[in-house]
PDB file of N, CA and C in Angstrom:
ATOM      1  N   MET A   1       0.885  -1.420   0.086  1.00  0.00           N
ATOM      2  CA  MET A   1       0.048   0.025  -0.270  1.00  0.00           C
ATOM      3  C   MET A   1       0.862   1.362  -0.239  1.00  0.00           C
ATOM      4  N   PRO A   2       0.542   2.285  -1.188  1.00  0.00           N
ATOM      5  CA  PRO A   2       1.459   3.174  -1.060  1.00  0.00           C
ATOM      6  C   PRO A   2       1.152   4.574   0.265  1.00  0.00           C
ATOM      7  N   LEU A   3       2.457   5.046   0.603  1.00  0.00           N
ATOM      8  CA  LEU A   3       1.987   6.293   1.716  1.00  0.00           C
ATOM      9  C   LEU A   3       1.538   7.304   1.195  1.00  0.00           C
ATOM     10  N   VAL A   4       0.499   7.646   2.078  1.00  0.00           N
ATOM     11  CA  VAL A   4       0.055   9.018   1.497  1.00  0.00           C
ATOM     12  C   VAL A   4       0.586  10.274   2.386  1.00  0.00           C
ATOM     13  N   THR A   5       1.008  11.113   1.657  1.00  0.00           N
ATOM     14  CA  THR A   5       1.515  12.164   2.879  1.00  0.00           C
ATOM     15  C   THR A   5       0.254  13.011   3.055  1.00  0.00           C
ATOM     16  N   PRO A   6       0.523  13.203   4.473  1.00  0.00           N
ATOM     17  CA  PRO A   6      -0.691  13.897   4.871  1.00  0.00           C
ATOM     18  C   PRO A   6      -0.734  15.903   4.522  1.00  0.00           C
ATOM     19  N   PHE A   7       0.413  16.183   4.108  1.00  0.00           N
ATOM     20  CA  PHE A   7       0.525  17.389   4.123  1.00  0.00           C
ATOM     21  C   PHE A   7       0.497  17.746   2.552  1.00  0.00           C
ATOM     22  N   GLN A   8      -0.224  18.622   2.218  1.00  0.00           N
ATOM     23  CA  GLN A   8      -0.800  18.797   0.619  1.00  0.00           C
ATOM     24  C   GLN A   8      -0.804  20.672   0.699  1.00  0.00           C
ATOM     25  N   ASN A   9       0.093  21.247  -0.255  1.00  0.00           N
ATOM     26  CA  ASN A   9       0.148  22.842  -0.448  1.00  0.00           C
ATOM     27  C   ASN A   9      -0.263  23.082  -1.923  1.00  0.00           C
ATOM     28  N   SER A  10      -0.361  23.920  -2.525  1.00  0.00           N
ATOM     29  CA  SER A  10      -0.349  24.161  -4.287  1.00  0.00           C
ATOM     30  C   SER A  10       0.429  25.638  -4.230  1.00  0.00           C
ATOM     31  N   LEU A  11       0.697  25.520  -5.512  1.00  0.00           N
ATOM     32  CA  LEU A  11       1.505  26.649  -6.291  1.00  0.00           C
ATOM     33  C   LEU A  11       0.591  26.940  -7.718  1.00  0.00           C
ATOM     34  N   ARG A  12       0.554  28.327  -7.542  1.00  0.00           N
ATOM     35  CA  ARG A  12      -0.292  28.900  -9.032  1.00  0.00           C
ATOM     36  C   ARG A  12       0.438  29.416  -9.479  1.00  0.00           C
ATOM     37  N   PHE A  13       0.220  29.765 -10.623  1.00  0.00           N
ATOM     38  CA  PHE A  13       1.021  30.584 -11.758  1.00  0.00           C
ATOM     39  C   PHE A  13       0.013  30.887 -12.753  1.00  0.00           C
ATOM     40  N   ALA A  14      -0.049  32.154 -12.937  1.00  0.00           N
ATOM     41  CA  ALA A  14      -0.886  32.992 -14.250  1.00  0.00           C
ATOM     42  C   ALA A  14      -0.292  33.640 -15.466  1.00  0.00           C
ATOM     43  N   ALA A  15      -1.047  33.255 -16.419  1.00  0.00           N
ATOM     44  CA  ALA A  15      -0.206  34.139 -17.694  1.00  0.00           C
ATOM     45  C   ALA A  15      -1.702  34.338 -18.598  1.00  0.00           C
ATOM     46  N   THR A  16      -1.452  35.026 -19.736  1.00  0.00           N
ATOM     47  CA  THR A  16      -2.673  34.798 -20.878  1.00  0.00           C
ATOM     48  C   THR A  16      -2.598  34.105 -22.328  1.00  0.00           C
ATOM     49  N   ILE A  17      -3.346  33.815 -22.743  1.00  0.00           N
ATOM     50  CA  ILE A  17      -3.164  32.890 -23.783  1.00  0.00           C
ATOM     51  C   ILE A  17      -1.949  33.478 -25.027  1.00  0.00           C
ATOM     52  N   GLY A  18      -2.434  34.866 -24.801  1.00  0.00           N
ATOM     53  CA  GLY A  18      -1.181  35.670 -25.680  1.00  0.00           C
ATOM     54  C   GLY A  18       0.114  35.671 -25.259  1.00  0.00           C
ATOM     55  N   ASP A  19       0.603  34.722 -24.563  1.00  0.00           N
ATOM     56  CA  ASP A  19       2.110  34.511 -24.039  1.00  0.00           C
ATOM     57  C   ASP A  19       2.504  33.448 -24.605  1.00  0.00           C
ATOM     58  N   GLY A  20       1.264  32.525 -25.343  1.00  0.00           N
ATOM     59  CA  GLY A  20       1.591  31.408 -25.723  1.00  0.00           C
ATOM     60  C   GLY A  20       2.162  31.562 -27.519  1.00  0.00           C
ATOM     61  N   THR A  21       2.665  30.127 -27.748  1.00  0.00           N
ATOM     62  CA  THR A  21       3.578  30.406 -29.181  1.00  0.00           C
ATOM     63  C   THR A  21       2.746  29.005 -30.080  1.00  0.00           C
ATOM     64  N   GLY A  22       2.994  28.965 -31.247  1.00  0.00           N
ATOM     65  CA  GLY A  22       2.429  27.464 -31.982  1.00  0.00           C
ATOM     66  C   GLY A  22       1.059  27.913 -32.177  1.00  0.00           C
ATOM     67  N   THR A  23       0.582  26.812 -32.995  1.00  0.00           N
ATOM     68  CA  THR A  23      -0.559  26.775 -33.332  1.00  0.00           C
ATOM     69  C   THR A  23      -1.127  25.332 -33.253  1.00  0.00           C
ATOM     70  N   GLY A  24      -2.441  25.313 -33.368  1.00  0.00           N
ATOM     71  CA  GLY A  24      -2.849  23.802 -33.399  1.00  0.00           C
ATOM     72  C   GLY A  24      -2.431  22.935 -32.034  1.00  0.00           C
ATOM     73  N   ALA A  25      -2.338  21.567 -32.106  1.00  0.00           N
ATOM     74  CA  ALA A  25      -1.632  20.735 -31.501  1.00  0.00           C
ATOM     75  C   ALA A  25      -0.401  21.111 -30.408  1.00  0.00           C
ATOM     76  N   THR A  26       0.621  22.086 -31.066  1.00  0.00           N
ATOM     77  CA  THR A  26       1.480  22.331 -30.802  1.00  0.00           C
ATOM     78  C   THR A  26       1.863  23.948 -29.912  1.00  0.00           C
ATOM     79  N   PHE A  27       0.264  24.152 -29.852  1.00  0.00           N
ATOM     80  CA  PHE A  27       0.277  25.487 -29.067  1.00  0.00           C
ATOM     81  C   PHE A  27       0.630  25.390 -27.469  1.00  0.00           C
ATOM     82  N   ALA A  28       1.589  26.185 -27.134  1.00  0.00           N
ATOM     83  CA  ALA A  28       2.358  25.840 -26.055  1.00  0.00           C
ATOM     84  C   ALA A  28       2.432  27.353 -25.012  1.00  0.00           C
ATOM     85  N   ILE A  29       2.287  27.402 -24.080  1.00  0.00           N
ATOM     86  CA  ILE A  29       2.968  28.457 -23.009  1.00  0.00           C
ATOM     87  C   ILE A  29       3.873  28.196 -22.074  1.00  0.00           C
ATOM     88  N   ALA A  30       5.146  28.943 -22.161  1.00  0.00           N
ATOM     89  CA  ALA A  30       6.633  28.718 -21.357  1.00  0.00           C
ATOM     90  C   ALA A  30       6.084  28.976 -20.211  1.00  0.00           C
ATOM     91  N   ALA A  31       6.863  28.244 -19.390  1.00  0.00           N
ATOM     92  CA  ALA A  31       6.878  28.600 -17.770  1.00  0.00           C
ATOM     93  C   ALA A  31       6.910  29.843 -17.355  1.00  0.00           C
ATOM     94  N   THR A  32       8.241  30.322 -18.046  1.00  0.00           N
ATOM     95  CA  THR A  32       8.888  31.265 -17.669  1.00  0.00           C
ATOM     96  C   THR A  32       7.777  32.605 -17.877  1.00  0.00           C
ATOM     97  N   THR A  33       6.726  32.431 -18.712  1.00  0.00           N
ATOM     98  CA  THR A  33       5.813  33.929 -19.088  1.00  0.00           C
ATOM     99  C   THR A  33       4.931  33.748 -18.214  1.00  0.00           C
ATOM    100  N   PHE A  34       4.762  32.857 -17.284  1.00  0.00           N
ATOM    101  CA  PHE A  34       3.892  33.061 -15.959  1.00  0.00           C
ATOM    102  C   PHE A  34       4.526  33.766 -14.500  1.00  0.00           C
ATOM    103  N   THR A  35       3.471  34.183 -14.063  1.00  0.00           N
ATOM    104  CA  THR A  35       4.064  34.705 -12.971  1.00  0.00           C
ATOM    105  C   THR A  35       3.428  33.774 -11.719  1.00  0.00           C
ATOM    106  N   ASP A  36       3.857  34.101 -10.271  1.00  0.00           N
ATOM    107  CA  ASP A  36       3.754  32.941  -9.051  1.00  0.00           C
ATOM    108  C   ASP A  36       2.699  33.780  -8.611  1.00  0.00           C
ATOM    109  N   ASP A  37       2.339  33.114  -7.037  1.00  0.00           N
ATOM    110  CA  ASP A  37       1.559  34.173  -6.178  1.00  0.00           C
ATOM    111  C   ASP A  37       2.138  35.169  -5.823  1.00  0.00           C
ATOM    112  N   ALA A  38       3.346  35.273  -5.746  1.00  0.00           N
ATOM    113  CA  ALA A  38       3.661  36.402  -5.371  1.00  0.00           C
ATOM    114  C   ALA A  38       4.013  37.787  -6.444  1.00  0.00           C
ATOM    115  N   GLY A  39       3.599  37.227  -7.758  1.00  0.00           N
ATOM    116  CA  GLY A  39       3.277  38.241  -8.346  1.00  0.00           C
ATOM    117  C   GLY A  39       4.775  38.248  -9.488  1.00  0.00           C
ATOM    118  N   THR A  40       5.665  37.529  -8.783  1.00  0.00           N
ATOM    119  CA  THR A  40       7.356  37.272  -9.586  1.00  0.00           C
ATOM    120  C   THR A  40       6.966  36.200 -10.778  1.00  0.00           C
ATOM    121  N   ALA A  41       8.293  36.775 -11.599  1.00  0.00           N
ATOM    122  CA  ALA A  41       8.748  35.758 -12.880  1.00  0.00           C
ATOM    123  C   ALA A  41       8.731  34.349 -12.763  1.00  0.00           C
ATOM    124  N   ALA A  42       7.948  33.217 -13.006  1.00  0.00           N
ATOM    125  CA  ALA A  42       8.278  32.187 -12.764  1.00  0.00           C
ATOM    126  C   ALA A  42       9.850  31.739 -13.675  1.00  0.00           C
ATOM    127  N   THR A  43      10.317  30.530 -12.858  1.00  0.00           N
ATOM    128  CA  THR A  43      11.760  30.175 -13.263  1.00  0.00           C
ATOM    129  C   THR A  43      11.187  28.950 -14.093  1.00  0.00           C
ATOM    130  N   GLY A  44      10.466  28.281 -13.626  1.00  0.00           N
ATOM    131  CA  GLY A  44       9.583  27.090 -14.144  1.00  0.00           C
ATOM    132  C   GLY A  44       8.431  26.676 -13.163  1.00  0.00           C
ATOM    133  N   PHE A  45       7.773  25.425 -13.818  1.00  0.00           N
ATOM    134  CA  PHE A  45       7.223  24.641 -13.128  1.00  0.00           C
ATOM    135  C   PHE A  45       7.401  23.630 -11.987  1.00  0.00           C
ATOM    136  N   PRO A  46       6.757  22.961 -11.207  1.00  0.00           N
ATOM    137  CA  PRO A  46       7.362  22.166 -10.192  1.00  0.00           C
ATOM    138  C   PRO A  46       7.747  21.029 -10.946  1.00  0.00           C
ATOM    139  N   THR A  47       8.874  20.053 -10.656  1.00  0.00           N
ATOM    140  CA  THR A  47       8.921  18.933 -11.426  1.00  0.00           C
ATOM    141  C   THR A  47       8.682  17.431 -10.929  1.00  0.00           C
ATOM    142  N   THR A  48       8.056  17.886  -9.713  1.00  0.00           N
ATOM    143  CA  THR A  48       7.182  16.620  -8.942  1.00  0.00           C
ATOM    144  C   THR A  48       6.044  17.501  -8.236  1.00  0.00           C
ATOM    145  N   PHE A  49       4.578  16.824  -8.593  1.00  0.00           N
ATOM    146  CA  PHE A  49       3.366  17.240  -7.938  1.00  0.00           C
ATOM    147  C   PHE A  49       2.759  15.831  -8.068  1.00  0.00           C
ATOM    148  N   ASN A  50       1.693  16.160  -7.221  1.00  0.00           N
ATOM    149  CA  ASN A  50       0.360  15.172  -7.259  1.00  0.00           C
ATOM    150  C   ASN A  50      -0.350  15.221  -8.265  1.00  0.00           C
ATOM    151  N   TYR A  51      -0.882  16.434  -8.652  1.00  0.00           N
ATOM    152  CA  TYR A  51      -1.780  16.729  -9.926  1.00  0.00           C
ATOM    153  C   TYR A  51      -1.509  17.995 -10.272  1.00  0.00           C
ATOM    154  N   TYR A  52      -2.342  18.501 -11.447  1.00  0.00           N
ATOM    155  CA  TYR A  52      -2.308  19.826 -11.578  1.00  0.00           C
ATOM    156  C   TYR A  52      -3.888  19.905 -12.100  1.00  0.00           C
ATOM    157  N   ASN A  53      -4.268  21.270 -12.000  1.00  0.00           N
ATOM    158  CA  ASN A  53      -5.792  22.139 -12.236  1.00  0.00           C
ATOM    159  C   ASN A  53      -5.174  22.856 -13.617  1.00  0.00           C
ATOM    160  N   LEU A  54      -5.713  22.949 -14.502  1.00  0.00           N
ATOM    161  CA  LEU A  54      -5.767  24.030 -15.707  1.00  0.00           C
ATOM    162  C   LEU A  54      -6.970  25.083 -15.161  1.00  0.00           C
ATOM    163  N   TYR A  55      -6.985  26.312 -15.554  1.00  0.00           N
ATOM    164  CA  TYR A  55      -8.335  27.458 -15.587  1.00  0.00           C
ATOM    165  C   TYR A  55      -7.965  27.908 -16.441  1.00  0.00           C
ATOM    166  N   ILE A  56      -8.987  28.047 -17.558  1.00  0.00           N
ATOM    167  CA  ILE A  56      -9.119  28.831 -18.584  1.00  0.00           C
ATOM    168  C   ILE A  56     -10.280  30.422 -18.310  1.00  0.00           C
ATOM    169  N   ASN A  57      -9.916  31.143 -18.320  1.00  0.00           N
ATOM    170  CA  ASN A  57     -10.961  32.236 -18.419  1.00  0.00           C
ATOM    171  C   ASN A  57     -11.723  31.706 -16.975  1.00  0.00           C
ATOM    172  N   GLY A  58     -10.959  31.084 -15.941  1.00  0.00           N
ATOM    173  CA  GLY A  58     -11.508  30.780 -14.798  1.00  0.00           C
ATOM    174  C   GLY A  58     -12.302  29.461 -14.704  1.00  0.00           C
ATOM    175  N   LEU A  59     -12.257  28.975 -15.874  1.00  0.00           N
ATOM    176  CA  LEU A  59     -13.141  27.363 -15.735  1.00  0.00           C
ATOM    177  C   LEU A  59     -11.995  26.651 -15.871  1.00  0.00           C
ATOM    178  N   MET A  60     -12.314  25.825 -14.781  1.00  0.00           N
ATOM    179  CA  MET A  60     -11.406  24.367 -14.534  1.00  0.00           C
ATOM    180  C   MET A  60     -11.544  23.537 -15.860  1.00  0.00           C
ATOM    181  N   GLN A  61     -10.358  23.337 -16.287  1.00  0.00           N
ATOM    182  CA  GLN A  61     -10.520  21.822 -17.738  1.00  0.00           C
ATOM    183  C   GLN A  61     -10.231  20.578 -17.286  1.00  0.00           C
ATOM    184  N   THR A  62     -10.985  19.596 -18.233  1.00  0.00           N
ATOM    185  CA  THR A  62     -10.404  18.463 -17.885  1.00  0.00           C
ATOM    186  C   THR A  62      -9.034  17.869 -18.533  1.00  0.00           C
ATOM    187  N   ALA A  63      -8.863  16.720 -17.973  1.00  0.00           N
ATOM    188  CA  ALA A  63      -7.308  16.224 -17.606  1.00  0.00           C
ATOM    189  C   ALA A  63      -6.812  16.296 -19.538  1.00  0.00           C
ATOM    190  N   ASP A  64      -7.945  15.975 -20.369  1.00  0.00           N
ATOM    191  CA  ASP A  64      -7.574  15.830 -21.590  1.00  0.00           C
ATOM    192  C   ASP A  64      -7.258  17.345 -22.673  1.00  0.00           C
ATOM    193  N   THR A  65      -7.515  18.425 -21.936  1.00  0.00           N
ATOM    194  CA  THR A  65      -6.906  19.599 -22.176  1.00  0.00           C
ATOM    195  C   THR A  65      -5.522  20.375 -22.594  1.00  0.00           C
ATOM    196  N   SER A  66      -4.864  19.264 -21.680  1.00  0.00           N
ATOM    197  CA  SER A  66      -3.287  19.794 -21.694  1.00  0.00           C
ATOM    198  C   SER A  66      -2.381  19.199 -20.844  1.00  0.00           C
ATOM    199  N   SER A  67      -1.265  19.144 -21.399  1.00  0.00           N
ATOM    200  CA  SER A  67      -0.051  18.365 -21.091  1.00  0.00           C
ATOM    201  C   SER A  67       1.149  19.407 -20.206  1.00  0.00           C
ATOM    202  N   VAL A  68       1.830  19.384 -19.280  1.00  0.00           N
ATOM    203  CA  VAL A  68       2.528  19.731 -18.686  1.00  0.00           C
ATOM    204  C   VAL A  68       3.951  19.417 -18.558  1.00  0.00           C
ATOM    205  N   THR A  69       4.754  20.199 -18.731  1.00  0.00           N
ATOM    206  CA  THR A  69       6.440  19.675 -17.886  1.00  0.00           C
ATOM    207  C   THR A  69       6.831  20.839 -17.107  1.00  0.00           C
ATOM    208  N   ALA A  70       8.214  20.461 -16.894  1.00  0.00           N
ATOM    209  CA  ALA A  70       8.760  21.725 -15.779  1.00  0.00           C
ATOM    210  C   ALA A  70       8.393  22.953 -16.470  1.00  0.00           C
ATOM    211  N   THR A  71       8.903  23.063 -18.216  1.00  0.00           N
ATOM    212  CA  THR A  71       9.112  24.165 -18.587  1.00  0.00           C
ATOM    213  C   THR A  71       7.679  24.750 -19.550  1.00  0.00           C
ATOM    214  N   THR A  72       7.036  23.861 -19.833  1.00  0.00           N
ATOM    215  CA  THR A  72       6.051  24.513 -20.543  1.00  0.00           C
ATOM    216  C   THR A  72       4.714  23.746 -20.222  1.00  0.00           C
ATOM    217  N   ILE A  73       3.532  24.245 -20.754  1.00  0.00           N
ATOM    218  CA  ILE A  73       2.021  23.723 -20.650  1.00  0.00           C
ATOM    219  C   ILE A  73       1.630  24.125 -22.000  1.00  0.00           C
ATOM    220  N   THR A  74       0.939  22.741 -22.559  1.00  0.00           N
ATOM    221  CA  THR A  74       0.612  22.658 -24.125  1.00  0.00           C
ATOM    222  C   THR A  74      -1.070  22.644 -23.592  1.00  0.00           C
ATOM    223  N   ILE A  75      -1.709  23.187 -24.640  1.00  0.00           N
ATOM    224  CA  ILE A  75      -2.871  23.591 -24.919  1.00  0.00           C
ATOM    225  C   ILE A  75      -3.545  23.469 -26.329  1.00  0.00           C
ATOM    226  N   PRO A  76      -3.210  22.353 -26.633  1.00  0.00           N
ATOM    227  CA  PRO A  76      -3.945  21.898 -28.169  1.00  0.00           C
ATOM    228  C   PRO A  76      -4.982  22.778 -28.482  1.00  0.00           C
ATOM    229  N   GLY A  77      -4.936  23.913 -29.461  1.00  0.00           N
ATOM    230  CA  GLY A  77      -6.005  24.438 -29.974  1.00  0.00           C
ATOM    231  C   GLY A  77      -6.126  25.711 -29.067  1.00  0.00           C
ATOM    232  N   GLY A  78      -5.231  25.905 -28.142  1.00  0.00           N
ATOM    233  CA  GLY A  78      -5.191  27.447 -27.433  1.00  0.00           C
ATOM    234  C   GLY A  78      -5.070  28.476 -28.293  1.00  0.00           C
ATOM    235  N   ASP A  79      -4.701  28.518 -29.490  1.00  0.00           N
ATOM    236  CA  ASP A  79      -4.312  29.505 -30.211  1.00  0.00           C
ATOM    237  C   ASP A  79      -5.645  30.287 -30.833  1.00  0.00           C
ATOM    238  N   VAL A  80      -6.666  29.501 -30.855  1.00  0.00           N
ATOM    239  CA  VAL A  80      -7.926  30.311 -31.491  1.00  0.00           C
ATOM    240  C   VAL A  80      -8.730  30.921 -30.119  1.00  0.00           C
ATOM    241  N   LEU A  81      -8.022  31.158 -28.904  1.00  0.00           N
ATOM    242  CA  LEU A  81      -8.939  31.865 -27.970  1.00  0.00           C
ATOM    243  C   LEU A  81      -7.996  33.166 -28.069  1.00  0.00           C
ATOM    244  N   ASN A  82      -8.707  34.285 -27.325  1.00  0.00           N
ATOM    245  CA  ASN A  82      -8.520  35.713 -27.180  1.00  0.00           C
ATOM    246  C   ASN A  82      -7.226  35.814 -26.353  1.00  0.00           C
ATOM    247  N   ASP A  83      -6.392  36.604 -27.182  1.00  0.00           N
ATOM    248  CA  ASP A  83      -5.026  37.049 -26.417  1.00  0.00           C
ATOM    249  C   ASP A  83      -5.079  37.197 -25.177  1.00  0.00           C
ATOM    250  N   GLY A  84      -6.114  38.308 -24.281  1.00  0.00           N
ATOM    251  CA  GLY A  84      -6.554  38.350 -23.078  1.00  0.00           C
ATOM    252  C   GLY A  84      -6.765  37.043 -22.441  1.00  0.00           C
ATOM    253  N   THR A  85      -7.174  36.549 -22.906  1.00  0.00           N
ATOM    254  CA  THR A  85      -8.050  35.078 -22.247  1.00  0.00           C
ATOM    255  C   THR A  85      -6.805  34.803 -21.083  1.00  0.00           C
ATOM    256  N   PRO A  86      -7.143  34.936 -19.308  1.00  0.00           N
ATOM    257  CA  PRO A  86      -6.298  34.350 -18.259  1.00  0.00           C
ATOM    258  C   PRO A  86      -6.234  32.907 -18.398  1.00  0.00           C
ATOM    259  N   ILE A  87      -4.751  32.448 -18.018  1.00  0.00           N
ATOM    260  CA  ILE A  87      -4.355  31.140 -17.843  1.00  0.00           C
ATOM    261  C   ILE A  87      -4.141  31.153 -16.512  1.00  0.00           C
ATOM    262  N   VAL A  88      -4.596  30.132 -15.875  1.00  0.00           N
ATOM    263  CA  VAL A  88      -4.351  29.972 -14.455  1.00  0.00           C
ATOM    264  C   VAL A  88      -3.939  28.061 -14.395  1.00  0.00           C
ATOM    265  N   VAL A  89      -2.512  28.068 -13.829  1.00  0.00           N
ATOM    266  CA  VAL A  89      -2.500  26.443 -13.534  1.00  0.00           C
ATOM    267  C   VAL A  89      -1.993  26.647 -12.243  1.00  0.00           C
ATOM    268  N   GLN A  90      -2.571  25.488 -11.536  1.00  0.00           N
ATOM    269  CA  GLN A  90      -2.337  24.888 -10.212  1.00  0.00           C
ATOM    270  C   GLN A  90      -1.701  23.584  -9.536  1.00  0.00           C
ATOM    271  N   PHE A  91      -0.941  23.390  -9.285  1.00  0.00           N
ATOM    272  CA  PHE A  91       0.025  22.266  -9.115  1.00  0.00           C
ATOM    273  C   PHE A  91      -0.281  22.267  -7.491  1.00  0.00           C
ATOM    274  N   VAL A  92      -0.736  20.830  -7.346  1.00  0.00           N
ATOM    275  CA  VAL A  92      -0.926  20.271  -5.862  1.00  0.00           C
ATOM    276  C   VAL A  92       0.250  19.547  -5.510  1.00  0.00           C
ATOM    277  N   VAL A  93       1.287  20.024  -4.570  1.00  0.00           N
ATOM    278  CA  VAL A  93       2.179  19.332  -3.970  1.00  0.00           C
ATOM    279  C   VAL A  93       2.495  18.744  -2.634  1.00  0.00           C
ATOM    280  N   SER A  94       3.198  17.895  -2.219  1.00  0.00           N
ATOM    281  CA  SER A  94       3.501  17.398  -0.950  1.00  0.00           C
ATOM    282  C   SER A  94       4.668  18.052  -0.340  1.00  0.00           C
TER     283      SER A  94
END
């Protein structure tokens, strides 16, 4: 049986669709274009986390909407959204 860590915290990062590059399936936003909860520029996303939530325009998205690495979040088709659309990524960490 796996051990469950009793402590969890979350780290949030904010950007807009206009910060992304690419089109269609390759549309992505670099982690360094995001700001963290303190309003400072992010240097990258967490490399280990329990799970993450993606919010586009304040609405949580389903798991098939994105993929994430320590340097980038990919949102296939995100390039069709308005450049000012807010993006928030929340990582739940132990």
